[in-house]
C-alpha atoms as a PDB file:
ATOM      1  CA  MET A   1      33.210  64.501 -25.477  1.00  0.00           C
ATOM      2  CA  SER A   2      36.040  66.598 -24.076  1.00  0.00           C
ATOM      3  CA  PRO A   3      39.132  64.980 -22.565  1.00  0.00           C
ATOM      4  CA  ALA A   4      38.158  66.268 -19.091  1.00  0.00           C
ATOM      5  CA  ASP A   5      34.731  64.598 -19.236  1.00  0.00           C
ATOM      6  CA  PHE A   6      36.287  61.360 -20.428  1.00  0.00           C
ATOM      7  CA  GLN A   7      38.841  61.414 -17.585  1.00  0.00           C
ATOM      8  CA  SER A   8      36.187  62.067 -14.910  1.00  0.00           C
ATOM      9  CA  ARG A   9      33.985  59.279 -16.252  1.00  0.00           C
ATOM     10  CA  ARG A  10      36.912  56.884 -16.197  1.00  0.00           C
ATOM     11  CA  GLU A  11      37.754  57.798 -12.584  1.00  0.00           C
ATOM     12  CA  ARG A  12      34.148  57.137 -11.528  1.00  0.00           C
ATOM     13  CA  ALA A  13      34.205  53.749 -13.292  1.00  0.00           C
ATOM     14  CA  LEU A  14      37.451  52.793 -11.562  1.00  0.00           C
ATOM     15  CA  LYS A  15      36.038  53.738  -8.170  1.00  0.00           C
ATOM     16  CA  ALA A  16      32.878  51.692  -8.808  1.00  0.00           C
ATOM     17  CA  GLN A  17      35.052  48.758  -9.844  1.00  0.00           C
ATOM     18  CA  GLN A  18      37.058  48.968  -6.600  1.00  0.00           C
ATOM     19  CA  ASP A  19      33.842  49.109  -4.553  1.00  0.00           C
ATOM     20  CA  GLY A  20      32.573  45.962  -6.321  1.00  0.00           C
ATOM     21  CA  LYS A  21      29.430  47.612  -7.681  1.00  0.00           C
ATOM     22  CA  VAL A  22      29.973  47.775 -11.422  1.00  0.00           C
ATOM     23  CA  PRO A  23      32.448  45.683 -13.425  1.00  0.00           C
ATOM     24  CA  LEU A  24      34.861  47.578 -15.619  1.00  0.00           C
ATOM     25  CA  ARG A  25      34.083  47.201 -19.307  1.00  0.00           C
ATOM     26  CA  ASN A  26      36.816  46.000 -21.558  1.00  0.00           C
ATOM     27  CA  GLU A  27      38.165  48.735 -23.795  1.00  0.00           C
ATOM     28  CA  PRO A  28      39.054  48.250 -27.459  1.00  0.00           C
ATOM     29  CA  GLN A  29      42.433  46.553 -27.843  1.00  0.00           C
ATOM     30  CA  ASP A  30      43.554  47.997 -31.201  1.00  0.00           C
ATOM     31  CA  GLY A  31      45.416  44.743 -31.889  1.00  0.00           C
ATOM     32  CA  VAL A  32      47.506  45.017 -28.691  1.00  0.00           C
ATOM     33  CA  MET A  33      46.883  42.714 -25.723  1.00  0.00           C
ATOM     34  CA  ASN A  34      46.154  44.422 -22.428  1.00  0.00           C
ATOM     35  CA  PRO A  35      47.837  42.463 -19.577  1.00  0.00           C
ATOM     36  CA  THR A  36      45.124  43.454 -17.114  1.00  0.00           C
ATOM     37  CA  ASN A  37      42.387  41.857 -19.221  1.00  0.00           C
ATOM     38  CA  ALA A  38      44.307  38.763 -20.336  1.00  0.00           C
ATOM     39  CA  MET A  39      43.004  35.314 -19.255  1.00  0.00           C
ATOM     40  CA  THR A  40      45.310  33.456 -16.925  1.00  0.00           C
ATOM     41  CA  ALA A  41      46.317  29.804 -17.374  1.00  0.00           C
ATOM     42  CA  GLU A  42      44.358  28.811 -14.248  1.00  0.00           C
ATOM     43  CA  ASP A  43      41.149  30.336 -15.613  1.00  0.00           C
ATOM     44  CA  ALA A  44      41.677  28.624 -18.940  1.00  0.00           C
ATOM     45  CA  MET A  45      42.109  25.213 -17.235  1.00  0.00           C
ATOM     46  CA  ASP A  46      39.009  25.804 -15.100  1.00  0.00           C
ATOM     47  CA  ASP A  47      36.946  26.523 -18.194  1.00  0.00           C
ATOM     48  CA  MET A  48      38.311  23.424 -19.885  1.00  0.00           C
ATOM     49  CA  ALA A  49      37.555  21.223 -16.835  1.00  0.00           C
ATOM     50  CA  LEU A  50      34.084  22.657 -16.440  1.00  0.00           C
ATOM     51  CA  GLY A  51      33.353  21.680 -19.975  1.00  0.00           C
ATOM     52  CA  ALA A  52      33.879  17.999 -19.128  1.00  0.00           C
ATOM     53  CA  PRO A  53      30.793  15.834 -18.514  1.00  0.00           C
ATOM     54  CA  GLY A  54      29.789  15.234 -14.916  1.00  0.00           C
ATOM     55  CA  VAL A  55      31.418  18.416 -13.558  1.00  0.00           C
ATOM     56  CA  THR A  56      29.662  21.620 -12.589  1.00  0.00           C
ATOM     57  CA  SER A  57      30.832  24.890 -11.062  1.00  0.00           C
ATOM     58  CA  GLU A  58      29.554  26.551  -7.962  1.00  0.00           C
ATOM     59  CA  THR A  59      30.468  29.997  -6.608  1.00  0.00           C
ATOM     60  CA  VAL A  60      31.057  30.090  -2.874  1.00  0.00           C
ATOM     61  CA  HIS A  61      32.702  32.539  -0.477  1.00  0.00           C
ATOM     62  CA  ALA A  62      36.061  31.750   1.053  1.00  0.00           C
ATOM     63  CA  ALA A  63      36.125  31.123   4.794  1.00  0.00           C
ATOM     64  CA  HIS A  64      38.776  32.502   7.168  1.00  0.00           C
ATOM     65  CA  ASP A  65      40.481  30.618   9.980  1.00  0.00           C
ATOM     66  CA  ASP A  66      38.544  32.654  12.568  1.00  0.00           C
ATOM     67  CA  GLY A  67      35.204  31.445  11.176  1.00  0.00           C
ATOM     68  CA  GLY A  68      34.437  34.596   9.146  1.00  0.00           C
ATOM     69  CA  VAL A  69      33.397  34.606   5.504  1.00  0.00           C
ATOM     70  CA  SER A  70      35.157  36.628   2.853  1.00  0.00           C
ATOM     71  CA  GLY A  71      33.266  38.578   0.247  1.00  0.00           C
ATOM     72  CA  THR A  72      35.511  37.289  -2.561  1.00  0.00           C
ATOM     73  CA  PRO A  73      33.714  34.595  -4.565  1.00  0.00           C
ATOM     74  CA  VAL A  74      35.621  31.367  -5.250  1.00  0.00           C
ATOM     75  CA  LYS A  75      34.809  28.933  -8.058  1.00  0.00           C
ATOM     76  CA  VAL A  76      34.502  25.334  -6.825  1.00  0.00           C
ATOM     77  CA  ARG A  77      34.210  22.256  -9.043  1.00  0.00           C
ATOM     78  CA  ARG A  78      31.677  19.708  -7.814  1.00  0.00           C
ATOM     79  CA  PRO A  79      30.939  16.342  -9.510  1.00  0.00           C
ATOM     80  CA  THR A  80      27.369  15.577 -10.448  1.00  0.00           C
ATOM     81  CA  ARG A  81      25.758  12.220 -11.057  1.00  0.00           C
ATOM     82  CA  PRO A  82      25.594  11.528 -14.795  1.00  0.00           C
ATOM     83  CA  ALA A  83      22.240  10.714 -16.329  1.00  0.00           C
ATOM     84  CA  ARG A  84      21.714   6.940 -16.546  1.00  0.00           C
ATOM     85  CA  ASN A  85      19.689   5.543 -19.350  1.00  0.00           C
ATOM     86  CA  PHE A  86      17.006   2.887 -19.135  1.00  0.00           C
ATOM     87  CA  PHE A  87      19.332  -0.045 -19.856  1.00  0.00           C
ATOM     88  CA  GLU A  88      21.839   0.912 -17.140  1.00  0.00           C
ATOM     89  CA  ARG A  89      19.120   1.265 -14.526  1.00  0.00           C
ATOM     90  CA  THR A  90      17.582  -2.057 -15.575  1.00  0.00           C
ATOM     91  CA  TYR A  91      20.983  -3.783 -15.398  1.00  0.00           C
ATOM     92  CA  ASP A  92      21.578  -2.544 -11.837  1.00  0.00           C
ATOM     93  CA  LYS A  93      18.145  -3.763 -10.725  1.00  0.00           C
ATOM     94  CA  ILE A  94      18.636  -7.199 -12.280  1.00  0.00           C
ATOM     95  CA  GLU A  95      22.094  -7.532 -10.724  1.00  0.00           C
ATOM     96  CA  ALA A  96      20.777  -6.663  -7.250  1.00  0.00           C
ATOM     97  CA  PHE A  97      17.869  -9.113  -7.651  1.00  0.00           C
ATOM     98  CA  ILE A  98      20.114 -12.007  -8.716  1.00  0.00           C
ATOM     99  CA  SER A  99      22.594 -11.311  -5.896  1.00  0.00           C
ATOM    100  CA  LYS A 100      19.808 -11.522  -3.310  1.00  0.00           C
ATOM    101  CA  LEU A 101      18.313 -14.571  -5.008  1.00  0.00           C
ATOM    102  CA  SER A 102      21.610 -16.472  -4.857  1.00  0.00           C
ATOM    103  CA  MET A 103      21.656 -16.046  -1.065  1.00  0.00           C
ATOM    104  CA  ARG A 104      18.073 -17.201  -0.483  1.00  0.00           C
ATOM    105  CA  ASP A 105      18.645 -20.983  -0.270  1.00  0.00           C
ATOM    106  CA  ASN A 106      20.766 -23.804  -1.689  1.00  0.00           C
ATOM    107  CA  PHE A 107      18.429 -24.368  -4.651  1.00  0.00           C
ATOM    108  CA  TRP A 108      18.776 -20.861  -6.070  1.00  0.00           C
ATOM    109  CA  ASN A 109      22.440 -20.852  -5.117  1.00  0.00           C
ATOM    110  CA  SER A 110      22.900 -23.942  -7.306  1.00  0.00           C
ATOM    111  CA  ILE A 111      21.026 -22.363 -10.221  1.00  0.00           C
ATOM    112  CA  CYS A 112      23.126 -19.202 -10.077  1.00  0.00           C
ATOM    113  CA  SER A 113      26.309 -21.262  -9.692  1.00  0.00           C
ATOM    114  CA  LEU A 114      25.451 -23.283 -12.809  1.00  0.00           C
ATOM    115  CA  ILE A 115      25.353 -20.063 -14.849  1.00  0.00           C
ATOM    116  CA  TRP A 116      28.064 -17.874 -13.311  1.00  0.00           C
ATOM    117  CA  LEU A 117      30.245 -20.290 -11.288  1.00  0.00           C
ATOM    118  CA  PRO A 118      30.184 -23.761 -12.890  1.00  0.00           C
ATOM    119  CA  LEU A 119      33.033 -25.054 -10.727  1.00  0.00           C
ATOM    120  CA  ALA A 120      30.957 -24.642  -7.558  1.00  0.00           C
ATOM    121  CA  PHE A 121      27.959 -26.308  -9.220  1.00  0.00           C
ATOM    122  CA  PHE A 122      29.763 -29.412 -10.505  1.00  0.00           C
ATOM    123  CA  SER A 123      31.909 -29.828  -7.380  1.00  0.00           C
ATOM    124  CA  GLY A 124      28.743 -29.825  -5.251  1.00  0.00           C
ATOM    125  CA  ILE A 125      30.102 -27.746  -2.360  1.00  0.00           C
ATOM    126  CA  ARG A 126      27.487 -26.635   0.178  1.00  0.00           C
ATOM    127  CA  LEU A 127      27.877 -23.971   2.867  1.00  0.00           C
ATOM    128  CA  LYS A 128      26.112 -24.154   6.216  1.00  0.00           C
ATOM    129  CA  GLU A 129      26.379 -21.693   9.088  1.00  0.00           C
ATOM    130  CA  MET A 130      26.959 -23.501  12.369  1.00  0.00           C
ATOM    131  CA  ASP A 131      25.841 -20.701  14.708  1.00  0.00           C
ATOM    132  CA  ALA A 132      24.203 -17.397  13.799  1.00  0.00           C
ATOM    133  CA  ASN A 133      25.818 -15.690  16.805  1.00  0.00           C
ATOM    134  CA  THR A 134      29.374 -16.573  15.798  1.00  0.00           C
ATOM    135  CA  PHE A 135      31.514 -16.207  12.703  1.00  0.00           C
ATOM    136  CA  VAL A 136      32.041 -19.948  12.278  1.00  0.00           C
ATOM    137  CA  ALA A 137      30.650 -21.896   9.331  1.00  0.00           C
ATOM    138  CA  ARG A 138      31.247 -25.201   7.592  1.00  0.00           C
ATOM    139  CA  ALA A 139      31.213 -26.244   3.964  1.00  0.00           C
ATOM    140  CA  VAL A 140      31.086 -29.832   2.702  1.00  0.00           C
ATOM    141  CA  LEU A 141      32.771 -30.889  -0.537  1.00  0.00           C
ATOM    142  CA  PRO A 142      31.392 -34.296  -1.635  1.00  0.00           C
ATOM    143  CA  PHE A 143      33.694 -37.078  -2.740  1.00  0.00           C
ATOM    144  CA  ARG A 144      32.382 -37.362  -6.306  1.00  0.00           C
ATOM    145  CA  ARG A 145      34.063 -38.226  -9.573  1.00  0.00           C
ATOM    146  CA  PHE A 146      34.415 -34.568 -10.584  1.00  0.00           C
ATOM    147  CA  ASN A 147      36.591 -33.871  -7.517  1.00  0.00           C
ATOM    148  CA  ARG A 148      38.750 -37.014  -7.569  1.00  0.00           C
ATOM    149  CA  ASN A 149      42.029 -37.652  -9.322  1.00  0.00           C
ATOM    150  CA  TRP A 150      43.256 -40.793 -11.038  1.00  0.00           C
ATOM    151  CA  TYR A 151      44.343 -42.616  -7.810  1.00  0.00           C
ATOM    152  CA  ARG A 152      40.921 -42.096  -6.166  1.00  0.00           C
ATOM    153  CA  ALA A 153      41.878 -39.297  -3.779  1.00  0.00           C
ATOM    154  CA  MET A 154      40.486 -35.794  -3.565  1.00  0.00           C
ATOM    155  CA  ALA A 155      42.305 -33.693  -6.132  1.00  0.00           C
ATOM    156  CA  GLY A 156      44.521 -30.971  -4.745  1.00  0.00           C
ATOM    157  CA  GLY A 157      43.159 -28.487  -7.269  1.00  0.00           C
ATOM    158  CA  ALA A 158      39.609 -29.190  -6.082  1.00  0.00           C
ATOM    159  CA  LEU A 159      40.570 -28.619  -2.453  1.00  0.00           C
ATOM    160  CA  LEU A 160      42.418 -25.405  -3.297  1.00  0.00           C
ATOM    161  CA  ALA A 161      39.814 -23.926  -5.640  1.00  0.00           C
ATOM    162  CA  ASN A 162      36.891 -24.734  -3.357  1.00  0.00           C
ATOM    163  CA  SER A 163      38.723 -23.069  -0.475  1.00  0.00           C
ATOM    164  CA  GLU A 164      38.312 -19.735  -2.247  1.00  0.00           C
ATOM    165  CA  ILE A 165      34.676 -20.534  -3.072  1.00  0.00           C
ATOM    166  CA  ALA A 166      33.873 -21.549   0.507  1.00  0.00           C
ATOM    167  CA  GLY A 167      35.571 -18.512   2.044  1.00  0.00           C
ATOM    168  CA  GLY A 168      34.119 -16.080  -0.495  1.00  0.00           C
ATOM    169  CA  SER A 169      30.604 -17.494  -0.095  1.00  0.00           C
ATOM    170  CA  TYR A 170      30.930 -17.200   3.664  1.00  0.00           C
ATOM    171  CA  VAL A 171      31.985 -13.524   3.538  1.00  0.00           C
ATOM    172  CA  PHE A 172      29.416 -12.679   0.856  1.00  0.00           C
ATOM    173  CA  GLY A 173      26.669 -14.319   2.912  1.00  0.00           C
ATOM    174  CA  ILE A 174      27.449 -12.066   5.878  1.00  0.00           C
ATOM    175  CA  CYS A 175      27.999  -8.806   3.967  1.00  0.00           C
ATOM    176  CA  GLY A 176      24.982  -9.124   1.681  1.00  0.00           C
ATOM    177  CA  ALA A 177      24.146  -8.361  -1.925  1.00  0.00           C
ATOM    178  CA  ASP A 178      25.249  -4.696  -1.722  1.00  0.00           C
ATOM    179  CA  TYR A 179      28.950  -5.658  -1.578  1.00  0.00           C
ATOM    180  CA  THR A 180      31.494  -7.209  -3.918  1.00  0.00           C
ATOM    181  CA  VAL A 181      33.960  -9.765  -2.542  1.00  0.00           C
ATOM    182  CA  VAL A 182      37.316 -10.312  -4.256  1.00  0.00           C
ATOM    183  CA  CYS A 183      40.075 -12.695  -3.142  1.00  0.00           C
ATOM    184  CA  LYS A 184      43.391 -10.872  -2.684  1.00  0.00           C
ATOM    185  CA  HIS A 185      45.586 -13.610  -1.223  1.00  0.00           C
ATOM    186  CA  LEU A 186      45.248 -17.330  -0.545  1.00  0.00           C
ATOM    187  CA  ASP A 187      47.725 -19.591   1.216  1.00  0.00           C
ATOM    188  CA  TYR A 188      46.985 -23.333   1.280  1.00  0.00           C
ATOM    189  CA  LYS A 189      49.033 -25.949   3.092  1.00  0.00           C
ATOM    190  CA  PHE A 190      48.593 -29.635   2.144  1.00  0.00           C
ATOM    191  CA  LEU A 191      49.040 -31.992   5.089  1.00  0.00           C
ATOM    192  CA  ARG A 192      47.852 -35.419   3.868  1.00  0.00           C
ATOM    193  CA  PRO A 193      45.763 -37.003   1.104  1.00  0.00           C
ATOM    194  CA  CYS A 194      42.008 -36.696   1.420  1.00  0.00           C
ATOM    195  CA  LEU A 195      40.232 -40.016   0.757  1.00  0.00           C
ATOM    196  CA  GLY A 196      36.677 -38.911   1.488  1.00  0.00           C
ATOM    197  CA  PRO A 197      34.366 -35.900   1.621  1.00  0.00           C
ATOM    198  CA  ALA A 198      36.130 -32.708   2.710  1.00  0.00           C
ATOM    199  CA  VAL A 199      34.745 -30.424   5.414  1.00  0.00           C
ATOM    200  CA  TYR A 200      35.799 -26.768   5.530  1.00  0.00           C
ATOM    201  CA  ARG A 201      35.587 -25.184   8.964  1.00  0.00           C
ATOM    202  CA  ILE A 202      35.647 -21.432   8.405  1.00  0.00           C
ATOM    203  CA  ARG A 203      36.357 -18.741  10.959  1.00  0.00           C
ATOM    204  CA  ALA A 204      36.868 -15.004  10.415  1.00  0.00           C
ATOM    205  CA  ARG A 205      39.573 -13.182  12.339  1.00  0.00           C
ATOM    206  CA  GLU A 206      37.788  -9.812  12.343  1.00  0.00           C
ATOM    207  CA  ASP A 207      34.252  -8.815  13.247  1.00  0.00           C
ATOM    208  CA  VAL A 208      32.659  -8.730   9.795  1.00  0.00           C
ATOM    209  CA  LYS A 209      29.409  -7.105  10.903  1.00  0.00           C
ATOM    210  CA  SER A 210      31.143  -4.172  12.590  1.00  0.00           C
ATOM    211  CA  LEU A 211      33.340  -3.601   9.534  1.00  0.00           C
ATOM    212  CA  ARG A 212      30.281  -3.700   7.316  1.00  0.00           C
ATOM    213  CA  ALA A 213      28.464  -1.191   9.529  1.00  0.00           C
ATOM    214  CA  ALA A 214      31.250   1.345   8.857  1.00  0.00           C
ATOM    215  CA  GLY A 215      30.103   1.578   5.239  1.00  0.00           C
ATOM    216  CA  THR A 216      33.607   1.623   3.751  1.00  0.00           C
ATOM    217  CA  GLU A 217      35.715  -0.939   1.915  1.00  0.00           C
ATOM    218  CA  PHE A 218      37.790  -3.271   4.094  1.00  0.00           C
ATOM    219  CA  ASN A 219      39.866  -6.446   4.118  1.00  0.00           C
ATOM    220  CA  ILE A 220      38.793  -9.585   5.948  1.00  0.00           C
ATOM    221  CA  THR A 221      41.031 -12.568   6.729  1.00  0.00           C
ATOM    222  CA  VAL A 222      39.487 -16.033   6.974  1.00  0.00           C
ATOM    223  CA  ASP A 223      41.095 -19.126   8.530  1.00  0.00           C
ATOM    224  CA  MET A 224      39.974 -22.522   7.266  1.00  0.00           C
ATOM    225  CA  ASP A 225      40.693 -26.035   8.499  1.00  0.00           C
ATOM    226  CA  ILE A 226      40.084 -28.690   5.844  1.00  0.00           C
ATOM    227  CA  LEU A 227      39.120 -32.042   7.323  1.00  0.00           C
ATOM    228  CA  GLN A 228      38.411 -35.466   5.874  1.00  0.00           C
ATOM    229  CA  GLN A 229      34.950 -36.447   7.024  1.00  0.00           C
ATOM    230  CA  ALA A 230      34.855 -39.578   9.179  1.00  0.00           C
ATOM    231  CA  SER A 231      33.390 -42.600   7.400  1.00  0.00           C
ATOM    232  CA  ARG A 232      32.367 -44.481  10.539  1.00  0.00           C
ATOM    233  CA  VAL A 233      30.578 -43.605  13.747  1.00  0.00           C
ATOM    234  CA  GLY A 234      33.006 -42.841  16.552  1.00  0.00           C
ATOM    235  CA  GLU A 235      35.862 -41.830  14.287  1.00  0.00           C
ATOM    236  CA  LYS A 236      37.264 -38.302  14.248  1.00  0.00           C
ATOM    237  CA  ASP A 237      37.720 -36.087  11.246  1.00  0.00           C
ATOM    238  CA  LYS A 238      41.293 -35.992   9.958  1.00  0.00           C
ATOM    239  CA  ARG A 239      42.811 -32.674   9.078  1.00  0.00           C
ATOM    240  CA  VAL A 240      44.152 -32.746   5.531  1.00  0.00           C
ATOM    241  CA  GLY A 241      44.970 -29.080   4.981  1.00  0.00           C
ATOM    242  CA  GLN A 242      44.998 -25.513   6.308  1.00  0.00           C
ATOM    243  CA  CYS A 243      44.121 -22.341   4.425  1.00  0.00           C
ATOM    244  CA  VAL A 244      44.391 -18.614   5.103  1.00  0.00           C
ATOM    245  CA  CYS A 245      42.517 -16.382   2.675  1.00  0.00           C
ATOM    246  CA  THR A 246      42.214 -12.575   2.530  1.00  0.00           C
ATOM    247  CA  PHE A 247      39.224 -10.969   0.830  1.00  0.00           C
ATOM    248  CA  HIS A 248      38.674  -7.352  -0.152  1.00  0.00           C
ATOM    249  CA  VAL A 249      35.086  -6.220   0.379  1.00  0.00           C
ATOM    250  CA  THR A 250      33.818  -3.100  -1.405  1.00  0.00           C
ATOM    251  CA  PRO A 251      30.338  -1.537  -1.355  1.00  0.00           C
ATOM    252  CA  LYS A 252      28.789  -1.411  -4.820  1.00  0.00           C
ATOM    253  CA  ALA A 253      28.110   2.290  -4.245  1.00  0.00           C
ATOM    254  CA  HIS A 254      31.877   2.863  -4.306  1.00  0.00           C
ATOM    255  CA  HIS A 255      32.107   1.332  -7.782  1.00  0.00           C
ATOM    256  CA  GLN A 256      29.418   3.724  -8.984  1.00  0.00           C
ATOM    257  CA  ALA A 257      31.312   6.656  -7.446  1.00  0.00           C
ATOM    258  CA  LYS A 258      34.491   5.516  -9.193  1.00  0.00           C
ATOM    259  CA  ARG A 259      32.721   5.456 -12.537  1.00  0.00           C
ATOM    260  CA  LEU A 260      31.455   8.948 -11.716  1.00  0.00           C
ATOM    261  CA  ARG A 261      34.995  10.239 -11.141  1.00  0.00           C
ATOM    262  CA  LYS A 262      36.028   8.867 -14.500  1.00  0.00           C
ATOM    263  CA  GLY A 263      33.285  10.921 -16.077  1.00  0.00           C
ATOM    264  CA  ARG A 264      31.101   8.210 -17.544  1.00  0.00           C
END
């Protein structure tokens, strides 16, 4: 091949490369790096990231501010759901079934508490919703030996610990089995000794159902009045303590998305 033919062929290849029709083939390097064909650091990092599990690449076209679409392809990293094996899928189904079963009635709630929350089982606390149209509920903590201290009064630790259980059970009962409820802050104020069964009157400050309908994680603050149940007819309940508790509610789907971002 003469030098003139080689030059004309190279000019045609360069023109086709500029028009976007045919990519320019890499020429032999002869041991010397060509700066035009060298891989940039950004491309190297993209290739390394795309090699991670749970990440795929997709070629899209860049959009302009005026709504137009550019012809230059752009590589975009998009996470994909990792393949779950049989044991992981079975675990999720069992967890959802037990969560719904614990909310069915007091019997199954007691069985689940005996296994996963022994304090609630042995203390004997029971939650009852006063009105389905309001966010007010009551829980009764019996005056049994497990909850009393040595001078035959309700133990302060029992009142404090069951405040978290009563408030958490109340929020979990409204949100449902598709959410996780975690206590972030609890403030308890002791007013007087409790010499009988304790009644927790629970009221939420926010509208729990509207926050749940948003489908995102949120915080809910619960106010509780702890009363000593009257022992005689005609007597009034005596307030023995006050509690303010803040719970963080998260959809279980968010936990799965978090595990996805970590590349499980």
